PDB file of N, CA and C in Angstrom:
ATOM      1  N   MET A   1     111.864  82.035  88.863  1.00  0.00           N
ATOM      2  CA  MET A   1     112.351  81.871  90.211  1.00  0.00           C
ATOM      3  C   MET A   1     111.172  82.099  91.161  1.00  0.00           C
ATOM      4  N   ARG A   2     110.936  81.137  92.020  1.00  0.00           N
ATOM      5  CA  ARG A   2     109.898  81.237  93.045  1.00  0.00           C
ATOM      6  C   ARG A   2     110.587  81.449  94.379  1.00  0.00           C
ATOM      7  N   LEU A   3     110.046  82.318  95.215  1.00  0.00           N
ATOM      8  CA  LEU A   3     110.701  82.699  96.456  1.00  0.00           C
ATOM      9  C   LEU A   3     110.007  82.125  97.680  1.00  0.00           C
ATOM     10  N   LEU A   4     110.795  81.810  98.689  1.00  0.00           N
ATOM     11  CA  LEU A   4     110.293  81.505 100.018  1.00  0.00           C
ATOM     12  C   LEU A   4     110.955  82.516 100.944  1.00  0.00           C
ATOM     13  N   LEU A   5     110.154  83.322 101.633  1.00  0.00           N
ATOM     14  CA  LEU A   5     110.673  84.358 102.505  1.00  0.00           C
ATOM     15  C   LEU A   5     110.821  83.831 103.919  1.00  0.00           C
ATOM     16  N   ASP A   6     111.967  84.109 104.513  1.00  0.00           N
ATOM     17  CA  ASP A   6     112.186  83.728 105.899  1.00  0.00           C
ATOM     18  C   ASP A   6     111.296  84.583 106.795  1.00  0.00           C
ATOM     19  N   GLU A   7     111.193  84.198 108.053  1.00  0.00           N
ATOM     20  CA  GLU A   7     110.219  84.791 108.962  1.00  0.00           C
ATOM     21  C   GLU A   7     110.341  86.301 109.154  1.00  0.00           C
ATOM     22  N   MET A   8     111.515  86.898 108.976  1.00  0.00           N
ATOM     23  CA  MET A   8     111.640  88.344 109.188  1.00  0.00           C
ATOM     24  C   MET A   8     110.838  89.140 108.171  1.00  0.00           C
ATOM     25  N   TYR A   9     110.414  88.488 107.089  1.00  0.00           N
ATOM     26  CA  TYR A   9     109.613  89.160 106.062  1.00  0.00           C
ATOM     27  C   TYR A   9     108.173  88.684 106.047  1.00  0.00           C
ATOM     28  N   ARG A  10     107.808  87.829 106.948  1.00  0.00           N
ATOM     29  CA  ARG A  10     106.501  87.171 106.925  1.00  0.00           C
ATOM     30  C   ARG A  10     105.348  88.160 106.817  1.00  0.00           C
ATOM     31  N   THR A  11     105.303  89.164 107.650  1.00  0.00           N
ATOM     32  CA  THR A  11     104.149  90.062 107.648  1.00  0.00           C
ATOM     33  C   THR A  11     104.299  91.218 106.685  1.00  0.00           C
ATOM     34  N   SER A  12     105.518  91.639 106.413  1.00  0.00           N
ATOM     35  CA  SER A  12     105.675  92.854 105.619  1.00  0.00           C
ATOM     36  C   SER A  12     105.613  92.631 104.116  1.00  0.00           C
ATOM     37  N   LEU A  13     106.151  91.539 103.607  1.00  0.00           N
ATOM     38  CA  LEU A  13     106.258  91.391 102.157  1.00  0.00           C
ATOM     39  C   LEU A  13     105.231  90.447 101.565  1.00  0.00           C
ATOM     40  N   ARG A  14     104.746  89.510 102.322  1.00  0.00           N
ATOM     41  CA  ARG A  14     103.848  88.510 101.762  1.00  0.00           C
ATOM     42  C   ARG A  14     102.620  89.105 101.084  1.00  0.00           C
ATOM     43  N   PRO A  15     102.005  90.164 101.608  1.00  0.00           N
ATOM     44  CA  PRO A  15     100.818  90.694 100.941  1.00  0.00           C
ATOM     45  C   PRO A  15     101.084  91.284  99.559  1.00  0.00           C
ATOM     46  N   SER A  16     102.346  91.541  99.228  1.00  0.00           N
ATOM     47  CA  SER A  16     102.631  92.110  97.910  1.00  0.00           C
ATOM     48  C   SER A  16     102.308  91.084  96.849  1.00  0.00           C
ATOM     49  N   CYS A  17     101.465  91.464  95.910  1.00  0.00           N
ATOM     50  CA  CYS A  17     101.100  90.512  94.860  1.00  0.00           C
ATOM     51  C   CYS A  17     101.953  90.716  93.613  1.00  0.00           C
ATOM     52  N   ALA A  18     102.928  91.614  93.685  1.00  0.00           N
ATOM     53  CA  ALA A  18     103.796  91.834  92.536  1.00  0.00           C
ATOM     54  C   ALA A  18     104.805  90.703  92.379  1.00  0.00           C
ATOM     55  N   ILE A  19     105.082  90.014  93.457  1.00  0.00           N
ATOM     56  CA  ILE A  19     106.076  88.943  93.448  1.00  0.00           C
ATOM     57  C   ILE A  19     105.432  87.705  94.044  1.00  0.00           C
ATOM     58  N   GLU A  20     105.563  86.574  93.356  1.00  0.00           N
ATOM     59  CA  GLU A  20     104.987  85.340  93.878  1.00  0.00           C
ATOM     60  C   GLU A  20     105.912  84.789  94.949  1.00  0.00           C
ATOM     61  N   VAL A  21     105.429  84.823  96.180  1.00  0.00           N
ATOM     62  CA  VAL A  21     106.237  84.369  97.304  1.00  0.00           C
ATOM     63  C   VAL A  21     105.403  83.520  98.229  1.00  0.00           C
ATOM     64  N   THR A  22     106.084  82.829  99.083  1.00  0.00           N
ATOM     65  CA  THR A  22     105.443  82.182 100.220  1.00  0.00           C
ATOM     66  C   THR A  22     106.354  82.432 101.403  1.00  0.00           C
ATOM     67  N   THR A  23     105.870  82.147 102.576  1.00  0.00           N
ATOM     68  CA  THR A  23     106.677  82.284 103.776  1.00  0.00           C
ATOM     69  C   THR A  23     106.749  80.914 104.434  1.00  0.00           C
ATOM     70  N   PRO A  24     107.548  80.782 105.465  1.00  0.00           N
ATOM     71  CA  PRO A  24     107.637  79.473 106.114  1.00  0.00           C
ATOM     72  C   PRO A  24     106.354  79.041 106.802  1.00  0.00           C
ATOM     73  N   CYS A  25     105.277  79.789 106.676  1.00  0.00           N
ATOM     74  CA  CYS A  25     104.041  79.429 107.373  1.00  0.00           C
ATOM     75  C   CYS A  25     103.643  77.959 107.195  1.00  0.00           C
ATOM     76  N   PRO A  26     103.757  77.379 105.989  1.00  0.00           N
ATOM     77  CA  PRO A  26     103.402  75.964 105.881  1.00  0.00           C
ATOM     78  C   PRO A  26     104.309  75.064 106.706  1.00  0.00           C
ATOM     79  N   PHE A  27     105.456  75.590 107.114  1.00  0.00           N
ATOM     80  CA  PHE A  27     106.422  74.778 107.843  1.00  0.00           C
ATOM     81  C   PHE A  27     106.432  75.135 109.325  1.00  0.00           C
ATOM     82  N   VAL A  28     105.457  75.925 109.758  1.00  0.00           N
ATOM     83  CA  VAL A  28     105.346  76.275 111.170  1.00  0.00           C
ATOM     84  C   VAL A  28     104.817  75.075 111.939  1.00  0.00           C
ATOM     85  N   ARG A  29     105.380  74.857 113.090  1.00  0.00           N
ATOM     86  CA  ARG A  29     104.900  73.765 113.927  1.00  0.00           C
ATOM     87  C   ARG A  29     103.577  74.195 114.562  1.00  0.00           C
ATOM     88  N   PRO A  30     102.449  73.712 114.044  1.00  0.00           N
ATOM     89  CA  PRO A  30     101.142  74.276 114.392  1.00  0.00           C
ATOM     90  C   PRO A  30     100.740  74.100 115.847  1.00  0.00           C
ATOM     91  N   LEU A  31     101.063  73.003 116.476  1.00  0.00           N
ATOM     92  CA  LEU A  31     100.591  72.791 117.836  1.00  0.00           C
ATOM     93  C   LEU A  31     101.276  73.721 118.823  1.00  0.00           C
ATOM     94  N   LEU A  32     102.507  74.075 118.554  1.00  0.00           N
ATOM     95  CA  LEU A  32     103.256  74.920 119.470  1.00  0.00           C
ATOM     96  C   LEU A  32     103.190  76.390 119.078  1.00  0.00           C
ATOM     97  N   HIS A  33     102.694  76.672 117.891  1.00  0.00           N
ATOM     98  CA  HIS A  33     102.621  78.046 117.374  1.00  0.00           C
ATOM     99  C   HIS A  33     103.996  78.714 117.372  1.00  0.00           C
ATOM    100  N   LEU A  34     104.991  77.963 116.995  1.00  0.00           N
ATOM    101  CA  LEU A  34     106.347  78.477 116.915  1.00  0.00           C
ATOM    102  C   LEU A  34     106.804  78.479 115.470  1.00  0.00           C
ATOM    103  N   PRO A  35     107.710  79.389 115.113  1.00  0.00           N
ATOM    104  CA  PRO A  35     108.233  79.353 113.745  1.00  0.00           C
ATOM    105  C   PRO A  35     109.036  78.074 113.522  1.00  0.00           C
ATOM    106  N   ALA A  36     109.131  77.702 112.288  1.00  0.00           N
ATOM    107  CA  ALA A  36     109.888  76.509 111.927  1.00  0.00           C
ATOM    108  C   ALA A  36     111.369  76.732 112.205  1.00  0.00           C
ATOM    109  N   HIS A  37     112.052  75.647 112.491  1.00  0.00           N
ATOM    110  CA  HIS A  37     113.506  75.709 112.623  1.00  0.00           C
ATOM    111  C   HIS A  37     114.099  76.011 111.252  1.00  0.00           C
ATOM    112  N   ASP A  38     115.285  76.591 111.245  1.00  0.00           N
ATOM    113  CA  ASP A  38     115.935  76.949 109.988  1.00  0.00           C
ATOM    114  C   ASP A  38     116.100  75.741 109.074  1.00  0.00           C
ATOM    115  N   GLU A  39     116.392  74.573 109.652  1.00  0.00           N
ATOM    116  CA  GLU A  39     116.533  73.363 108.839  1.00  0.00           C
ATOM    117  C   GLU A  39     115.228  73.048 108.112  1.00  0.00           C
ATOM    118  N   GLU A  40     114.097  73.242 108.803  1.00  0.00           N
ATOM    119  CA  GLU A  40     112.789  72.987 108.196  1.00  0.00           C
ATOM    120  C   GLU A  40     112.496  73.996 107.092  1.00  0.00           C
ATOM    121  N   VAL A  41     112.905  75.236 107.304  1.00  0.00           N
ATOM    122  CA  VAL A  41     112.678  76.269 106.295  1.00  0.00           C
ATOM    123  C   VAL A  41     113.470  75.940 105.030  1.00  0.00           C
ATOM    124  N   LEU A  42     114.740  75.571 105.189  1.00  0.00           N
ATOM    125  CA  LEU A  42     115.556  75.227 104.023  1.00  0.00           C
ATOM    126  C   LEU A  42     115.011  73.978 103.334  1.00  0.00           C
ATOM    127  N   THR A  43     114.609  72.988 104.106  1.00  0.00           N
ATOM    128  CA  THR A  43     114.014  71.780 103.525  1.00  0.00           C
ATOM    129  C   THR A  43     112.747  72.124 102.752  1.00  0.00           C
ATOM    130  N   GLY A  44     111.932  73.021 103.303  1.00  0.00           N
ATOM    131  CA  GLY A  44     110.715  73.445 102.604  1.00  0.00           C
ATOM    132  C   GLY A  44     111.029  74.156 101.307  1.00  0.00           C
ATOM    133  N   ALA A  45     112.033  75.022 101.326  1.00  0.00           N
ATOM    134  CA  ALA A  45     112.434  75.727 100.100  1.00  0.00           C
ATOM    135  C   ALA A  45     112.889  74.732  99.043  1.00  0.00           C
ATOM    136  N   VAL A  46     113.684  73.765  99.451  1.00  0.00           N
ATOM    137  CA  VAL A  46     114.181  72.752  98.511  1.00  0.00           C
ATOM    138  C   VAL A  46     113.024  71.931  97.956  1.00  0.00           C
ATOM    139  N   SER A  47     112.138  71.476  98.829  1.00  0.00           N
ATOM    140  CA  SER A  47     111.053  70.600  98.374  1.00  0.00           C
ATOM    141  C   SER A  47     110.053  71.323  97.467  1.00  0.00           C
ATOM    142  N   GLU A  48     109.926  72.644  97.632  1.00  0.00           N
ATOM    143  CA  GLU A  48     108.989  73.407  96.804  1.00  0.00           C
ATOM    144  C   GLU A  48     109.684  74.116  95.647  1.00  0.00           C
ATOM    145  N   ASN A  49     110.952  73.791  95.407  1.00  0.00           N
ATOM    146  CA  ASN A  49     111.715  74.406  94.312  1.00  0.00           C
ATOM    147  C   ASN A  49     111.713  75.930  94.419  1.00  0.00           C
ATOM    148  N   ARG A  50     111.949  76.438  95.615  1.00  0.00           N
ATOM    149  CA  ARG A  50     111.937  77.878  95.858  1.00  0.00           C
ATOM    150  C   ARG A  50     113.310  78.378  96.262  1.00  0.00           C
ATOM    151  N   THR A  51     113.577  79.626  95.904  1.00  0.00           N
ATOM    152  CA  THR A  51     114.785  80.325  96.332  1.00  0.00           C
ATOM    153  C   THR A  51     114.482  80.970  97.674  1.00  0.00           C
ATOM    154  N   LEU A  52     115.307  80.701  98.658  1.00  0.00           N
ATOM    155  CA  LEU A  52     115.119  81.236 100.001  1.00  0.00           C
ATOM    156  C   LEU A  52     115.654  82.658 100.070  1.00  0.00           C
ATOM    157  N   VAL A  53     114.879  83.563 100.666  1.00  0.00           N
ATOM    158  CA  VAL A  53     115.302  84.939 100.910  1.00  0.00           C
ATOM    159  C   VAL A  53     115.359  85.127 102.421  1.00  0.00           C
ATOM    160  N   THR A  54     116.540  85.455 102.928  1.00  0.00           N
ATOM    161  CA  THR A  54     116.729  85.597 104.371  1.00  0.00           C
ATOM    162  C   THR A  54     117.866  86.559 104.661  1.00  0.00           C
ATOM    163  N   GLU A  55     117.846  87.129 105.845  1.00  0.00           N
ATOM    164  CA  GLU A  55     119.012  87.900 106.274  1.00  0.00           C
ATOM    165  C   GLU A  55     119.811  87.113 107.316  1.00  0.00           C
ATOM    166  N   ASN A  56     119.415  85.885 107.551  1.00  0.00           N
ATOM    167  CA  ASN A  56     120.025  85.058 108.578  1.00  0.00           C
ATOM    168  C   ASN A  56     121.206  84.254 108.021  1.00  0.00           C
ATOM    169  N   VAL A  57     122.250  84.961 107.635  1.00  0.00           N
ATOM    170  CA  VAL A  57     123.440  84.322 107.059  1.00  0.00           C
ATOM    171  C   VAL A  57     124.085  83.380 108.067  1.00  0.00           C
ATOM    172  N   ARG A  58     124.167  83.834 109.315  1.00  0.00           N
ATOM    173  CA  ARG A  58     124.871  83.068 110.352  1.00  0.00           C
ATOM    174  C   ARG A  58     124.321  81.652 110.495  1.00  0.00           C
ATOM    175  N   ASP A  59     123.008  81.481 110.380  1.00  0.00           N
ATOM    176  CA  ASP A  59     122.426  80.155 110.541  1.00  0.00           C
ATOM    177  C   ASP A  59     122.269  79.398 109.230  1.00  0.00           C
ATOM    178  N   PHE A  60     121.921  80.098 108.149  1.00  0.00           N
ATOM    179  CA  PHE A  60     121.651  79.391 106.898  1.00  0.00           C
ATOM    180  C   PHE A  60     122.903  79.030 106.115  1.00  0.00           C
ATOM    181  N   ARG A  61     123.959  79.805 106.221  1.00  0.00           N
ATOM    182  CA  ARG A  61     125.174  79.481 105.463  1.00  0.00           C
ATOM    183  C   ARG A  61     125.735  78.115 105.866  1.00  0.00           C
ATOM    184  N   PRO A  62     125.873  77.802 107.163  1.00  0.00           N
ATOM    185  CA  PRO A  62     126.339  76.452 107.510  1.00  0.00           C
ATOM    186  C   PRO A  62     125.398  75.343 107.035  1.00  0.00           C
ATOM    187  N   LEU A  63     124.080  75.607 107.069  1.00  0.00           N
ATOM    188  CA  LEU A  63     123.128  74.613 106.570  1.00  0.00           C
ATOM    189  C   LEU A  63     123.300  74.402 105.073  1.00  0.00           C
ATOM    190  N   GLU A  64     123.532  75.487 104.358  1.00  0.00           N
ATOM    191  CA  GLU A  64     123.750  75.403 102.910  1.00  0.00           C
ATOM    192  C   GLU A  64     125.018  74.599 102.607  1.00  0.00           C
ATOM    193  N   VAL A  65     126.090  74.905 103.308  1.00  0.00           N
ATOM    194  CA  VAL A  65     127.365  74.205 103.096  1.00  0.00           C
ATOM    195  C   VAL A  65     127.200  72.713 103.388  1.00  0.00           C
ATOM    196  N   ALA A  66     126.521  72.375 104.483  1.00  0.00           N
ATOM    197  CA  ALA A  66     126.316  70.967 104.836  1.00  0.00           C
ATOM    198  C   ALA A  66     125.449  70.257 103.798  1.00  0.00           C
ATOM    199  N   LEU A  67     124.395  70.913 103.341  1.00  0.00           N
ATOM    200  CA  LEU A  67     123.518  70.327 102.320  1.00  0.00           C
ATOM    201  C   LEU A  67     124.307  69.982 101.066  1.00  0.00           C
ATOM    202  N   LEU A  68     125.100  70.920 100.582  1.00  0.00           N
ATOM    203  CA  LEU A  68     125.886  70.694  99.367  1.00  0.00           C
ATOM    204  C   LEU A  68     126.966  69.641  99.592  1.00  0.00           C
ATOM    205  N   ALA A  69     127.581  69.654 100.769  1.00  0.00           N
ATOM    206  CA  ALA A  69     128.619  68.665 101.070  1.00  0.00           C
ATOM    207  C   ALA A  69     128.053  67.249 101.099  1.00  0.00           C
ATOM    208  N   ASP A  70     126.776  67.130 101.491  1.00  0.00           N
ATOM    209  CA  ASP A  70     126.120  65.823 101.523  1.00  0.00           C
ATOM    210  C   ASP A  70     125.544  65.418 100.177  1.00  0.00           C
ATOM    211  N   GLY A  71     125.813  66.198  99.135  1.00  0.00           N
ATOM    212  CA  GLY A  71     125.327  65.875  97.800  1.00  0.00           C
ATOM    213  C   GLY A  71     123.938  66.409  97.498  1.00  0.00           C
ATOM    214  N   GLY A  72     123.390  67.214  98.404  1.00  0.00           N
ATOM    215  CA  GLY A  72     122.067  67.798  98.180  1.00  0.00           C
ATOM    216  C   GLY A  72     122.155  69.017  97.284  1.00  0.00           C
ATOM    217  N   HIS A  73     121.009  69.535  96.945  1.00  0.00           N
ATOM    218  CA  HIS A  73     120.924  70.710  96.081  1.00  0.00           C
ATOM    219  C   HIS A  73     119.876  71.667  96.626  1.00  0.00           C
ATOM    220  N   HIS A  74     119.989  72.922  96.239  1.00  0.00           N
ATOM    221  CA  HIS A  74     118.963  73.906  96.567  1.00  0.00           C
ATOM    222  C   HIS A  74     118.782  74.823  95.362  1.00  0.00           C
ATOM    223  N   HIS A  75     117.751  75.638  95.417  1.00  0.00           N
ATOM    224  CA  HIS A  75     117.385  76.489  94.285  1.00  0.00           C
ATOM    225  C   HIS A  75     117.844  77.924  94.472  1.00  0.00           C
ATOM    226  N   GLY A  76     118.852  78.086  95.304  1.00  0.00           N
ATOM    227  CA  GLY A  76     119.435  79.396  95.538  1.00  0.00           C
ATOM    228  C   GLY A  76     119.024  79.972  96.874  1.00  0.00           C
ATOM    229  N   ILE A  77     119.928  80.755  97.431  1.00  0.00           N
ATOM    230  CA  ILE A  77     119.644  81.493  98.657  1.00  0.00           C
ATOM    231  C   ILE A  77     120.033  82.941  98.400  1.00  0.00           C
ATOM    232  N   VAL A  78     119.094  83.836  98.666  1.00  0.00           N
ATOM    233  CA  VAL A  78     119.336  85.265  98.520  1.00  0.00           C
ATOM    234  C   VAL A  78     119.435  85.840  99.924  1.00  0.00           C
ATOM    235  N   TYR A  79     120.618  86.323 100.252  1.00  0.00           N
ATOM    236  CA  TYR A  79     120.828  86.923 101.561  1.00  0.00           C
ATOM    237  C   TYR A  79     120.630  88.434 101.469  1.00  0.00           C
ATOM    238  N   THR A  80     120.004  88.971 102.485  1.00  0.00           N
ATOM    239  CA  THR A  80     119.858  90.408 102.631  1.00  0.00           C
ATOM    240  C   THR A  80     120.495  90.786 103.963  1.00  0.00           C
ATOM    241  N   THR A  81     120.555  92.071 104.246  1.00  0.00           N
ATOM    242  CA  THR A  81     121.031  92.512 105.553  1.00  0.00           C
ATOM    243  C   THR A  81     120.074  93.561 106.097  1.00  0.00           C
ATOM    244  N   ASP A  82     119.976  93.616 107.398  1.00  0.00           N
ATOM    245  CA  ASP A  82     119.149  94.643 108.027  1.00  0.00           C
ATOM    246  C   ASP A  82     119.775  96.019 107.808  1.00  0.00           C
ATOM    247  N   ARG A  83     121.050  96.033 107.573  1.00  0.00           N
ATOM    248  CA  ARG A  83     121.714  97.311 107.278  1.00  0.00           C
ATOM    249  C   ARG A  83     121.303  97.828 105.897  1.00  0.00           C
ATOM    250  N   GLN A  84     121.264  96.936 104.920  1.00  0.00           N
ATOM    251  CA  GLN A  84     120.882  97.302 103.552  1.00  0.00           C
ATOM    252  C   GLN A  84     119.382  97.555 103.441  1.00  0.00           C
ATOM    253  N   PHE A  85     118.594  96.729 104.116  1.00  0.00           N
ATOM    254  CA  PHE A  85     117.136  96.815 104.088  1.00  0.00           C
ATOM    255  C   PHE A  85     116.618  96.830 105.525  1.00  0.00           C
ATOM    256  N   PRO A  86     116.778  97.954 106.236  1.00  0.00           N
ATOM    257  CA  PRO A  86     116.392  98.006 107.654  1.00  0.00           C
ATOM    258  C   PRO A  86     114.888  97.810 107.855  1.00  0.00           C
ATOM    259  N   ARG A  87     114.537  96.830 108.645  1.00  0.00           N
ATOM    260  CA  ARG A  87     113.122  96.499 108.849  1.00  0.00           C
ATOM    261  C   ARG A  87     112.350  97.592 109.556  1.00  0.00           C
ATOM    262  N   GLY A  88     113.005  98.444 110.319  1.00  0.00           N
ATOM    263  CA  GLY A  88     112.306  99.514 111.017  1.00  0.00           C
ATOM    264  C   GLY A  88     112.027 100.740 110.168  1.00  0.00           C
ATOM    265  N   ASP A  89     112.547 100.779 108.956  1.00  0.00           N
ATOM    266  CA  ASP A  89     112.389 101.930 108.067  1.00  0.00           C
ATOM    267  C   ASP A  89     111.184 101.705 107.157  1.00  0.00           C
ATOM    268  N   PRO A  90     110.216 102.620 107.131  1.00  0.00           N
ATOM    269  CA  PRO A  90     109.032 102.426 106.293  1.00  0.00           C
ATOM    270  C   PRO A  90     109.345 102.389 104.791  1.00  0.00           C
ATOM    271  N   GLN A  91     110.488 102.899 104.371  1.00  0.00           N
ATOM    272  CA  GLN A  91     110.870 102.880 102.956  1.00  0.00           C
ATOM    273  C   GLN A  91     111.415 101.519 102.516  1.00  0.00           C
ATOM    274  N   THR A  92     111.759 100.686 103.487  1.00  0.00           N
ATOM    275  CA  THR A  92     112.426  99.421 103.180  1.00  0.00           C
ATOM    276  C   THR A  92     111.580  98.498 102.323  1.00  0.00           C
ATOM    277  N   LEU A  93     110.313  98.373 102.625  1.00  0.00           N
ATOM    278  CA  LEU A  93     109.469  97.439 101.887  1.00  0.00           C
ATOM    279  C   LEU A  93     109.518  97.721 100.390  1.00  0.00           C
ATOM    280  N   GLY A  94     109.362  98.962 100.002  1.00  0.00           N
ATOM    281  CA  GLY A  94     109.418  99.316  98.586  1.00  0.00           C
ATOM    282  C   GLY A  94     110.777  99.031  97.978  1.00  0.00           C
ATOM    283  N   ARG A  95     111.830  99.359  98.695  1.00  0.00           N
ATOM    284  CA  ARG A  95     113.186  99.103  98.190  1.00  0.00           C
ATOM    285  C   ARG A  95     113.431  97.604  98.044  1.00  0.00           C
ATOM    286  N   LEU A  96     112.972  96.828  99.009  1.00  0.00           N
ATOM    287  CA  LEU A  96     113.164  95.381  98.942  1.00  0.00           C
ATOM    288  C   LEU A  96     112.376  94.777  97.788  1.00  0.00           C
ATOM    289  N   VAL A  97     111.134  95.209  97.617  1.00  0.00           N
ATOM    290  CA  VAL A  97     110.321  94.703  96.505  1.00  0.00           C
ATOM    291  C   VAL A  97     110.986  95.048  95.171  1.00  0.00           C
ATOM    292  N   ARG A  98     111.479  96.273  95.026  1.00  0.00           N
ATOM    293  CA  ARG A  98     112.154  96.658  93.775  1.00  0.00           C
ATOM    294  C   ARG A  98     113.411  95.823  93.541  1.00  0.00           C
ATOM    295  N   ALA A  99     114.191  95.577  94.587  1.00  0.00           N
ATOM    296  CA  ALA A  99     115.408  94.772  94.437  1.00  0.00           C
ATOM    297  C   ALA A  99     115.069  93.336  94.063  1.00  0.00           C
ATOM    298  N   LEU A 100     114.042  92.767  94.686  1.00  0.00           N
ATOM    299  CA  LEU A 100     113.630  91.401  94.335  1.00  0.00           C
ATOM    300  C   LEU A 100     113.046  91.354  92.929  1.00  0.00           C
ATOM    301  N   ASP A 101     112.289  92.368  92.555  1.00  0.00           N
ATOM    302  CA  ASP A 101     111.717  92.429  91.211  1.00  0.00           C
ATOM    303  C   ASP A 101     112.831  92.486  90.162  1.00  0.00           C
ATOM    304  N   ALA A 102     113.872  93.273  90.426  1.00  0.00           N
ATOM    305  CA  ALA A 102     115.011  93.345  89.497  1.00  0.00           C
ATOM    306  C   ALA A 102     115.716  91.995  89.408  1.00  0.00           C
ATOM    307  N   LEU A 103     115.860  91.326  90.532  1.00  0.00           N
ATOM    308  CA  LEU A 103     116.491  90.001  90.540  1.00  0.00           C
ATOM    309  C   LEU A 103     115.659  89.013  89.734  1.00  0.00           C
ATOM    310  N   LEU A 104     114.348  89.057  89.924  1.00  0.00           N
ATOM    311  CA  LEU A 104     113.466  88.140  89.202  1.00  0.00           C
ATOM    312  C   LEU A 104     113.400  88.459  87.718  1.00  0.00           C
ATOM    313  N   GLY A 105     113.592  89.728  87.380  1.00  0.00           N
ATOM    314  CA  GLY A 105     113.548  90.128  85.980  1.00  0.00           C
ATOM    315  C   GLY A 105     114.744  89.650  85.183  1.00  0.00           C
ATOM    316  N   ASP A 106     115.866  89.521  85.843  1.00  0.00           N
ATOM    317  CA  ASP A 106     117.095  89.068  85.191  1.00  0.00           C
ATOM    318  C   ASP A 106     117.845  88.161  86.159  1.00  0.00           C
ATOM    319  N   PRO A 107     117.266  86.976  86.432  1.00  0.00           N
ATOM    320  CA  PRO A 107     117.846  86.137  87.479  1.00  0.00           C
ATOM    321  C   PRO A 107     119.196  85.543  87.084  1.00  0.00           C
ATOM    322  N   PRO A 108     120.164  85.665  87.988  1.00  0.00           N
ATOM    323  CA  PRO A 108     121.438  84.995  87.743  1.00  0.00           C
ATOM    324  C   PRO A 108     121.269  83.497  88.004  1.00  0.00           C
ATOM    325  N   PRO A 109     122.144  82.689  87.457  1.00  0.00           N
ATOM    326  CA  PRO A 109     122.071  81.253  87.767  1.00  0.00           C
ATOM    327  C   PRO A 109     122.512  81.032  89.211  1.00  0.00           C
ATOM    328  N   ILE A 110     121.562  80.727  90.092  1.00  0.00           N
ATOM    329  CA  ILE A 110     121.940  80.564  91.498  1.00  0.00           C
ATOM    330  C   ILE A 110     121.614  79.189  92.065  1.00  0.00           C
ATOM    331  N   ARG A 111     121.296  78.225  91.229  1.00  0.00           N
ATOM    332  CA  ARG A 111     121.094  76.869  91.757  1.00  0.00           C
ATOM    333  C   ARG A 111     122.371  76.455  92.483  1.00  0.00           C
ATOM    334  N   ASP A 112     122.207  76.027  93.725  1.00  0.00           N
ATOM    335  CA  ASP A 112     123.314  75.604  94.583  1.00  0.00           C
ATOM    336  C   ASP A 112     124.290  76.737  94.880  1.00  0.00           C
ATOM    337  N   ARG A 113     123.824  77.983  94.753  1.00  0.00           N
ATOM    338  CA  ARG A 113     124.669  79.147  95.053  1.00  0.00           C
ATOM    339  C   ARG A 113     123.880  80.108  95.928  1.00  0.00           C
ATOM    340  N   SER A 114     124.582  81.047  96.504  1.00  0.00           N
ATOM    341  CA  SER A 114     123.930  82.101  97.259  1.00  0.00           C
ATOM    342  C   SER A 114     124.463  83.445  96.787  1.00  0.00           C
ATOM    343  N   ILE A 115     123.614  84.455  96.934  1.00  0.00           N
ATOM    344  CA  ILE A 115     124.011  85.809  96.553  1.00  0.00           C
ATOM    345  C   ILE A 115     123.532  86.786  97.619  1.00  0.00           C
ATOM    346  N   PHE A 116     124.139  87.949  97.663  1.00  0.00           N
ATOM    347  CA  PHE A 116     123.678  89.021  98.541  1.00  0.00           C
ATOM    348  C   PHE A 116     122.893  90.011  97.704  1.00  0.00           C
ATOM    349  N   LEU A 117     121.676  90.303  98.143  1.00  0.00           N
ATOM    350  CA  LEU A 117     120.823  91.254  97.436  1.00  0.00           C
ATOM    351  C   LEU A 117     121.291  92.667  97.743  1.00  0.00           C
ATOM    352  N   ARG A 118     121.463  93.450  96.716  1.00  0.00           N
ATOM    353  CA  ARG A 118     121.920  94.843  96.879  1.00  0.00           C
ATOM    354  C   ARG A 118     120.819  95.790  96.484  1.00  0.00           C
TER     355      ARG A 118
END
């Protein structure tokens, strides 16, 4: 399982070399220096055969439903929550890396599915 991290993890998790990840940086609109739209992030994850990791359920869940309804496929979406993995807590990075490492060690079949990381 290869991961694409949504922008909320861009600076904190990407430097970890324990997990092979990328962030939406390749999908950033370079001239405007703005983050990619959620549709672009999901398209990038699909095109690179990556599982998307995001806490943005509100925006990505409808995109996922529409993609599948149109006959498209994705390589899984892993949802997190700021409550479960609070970004302001210095302990979060380690907990998130351990949770992702456990997921990668025994990955469930999540093609065209989404799960909540615990």
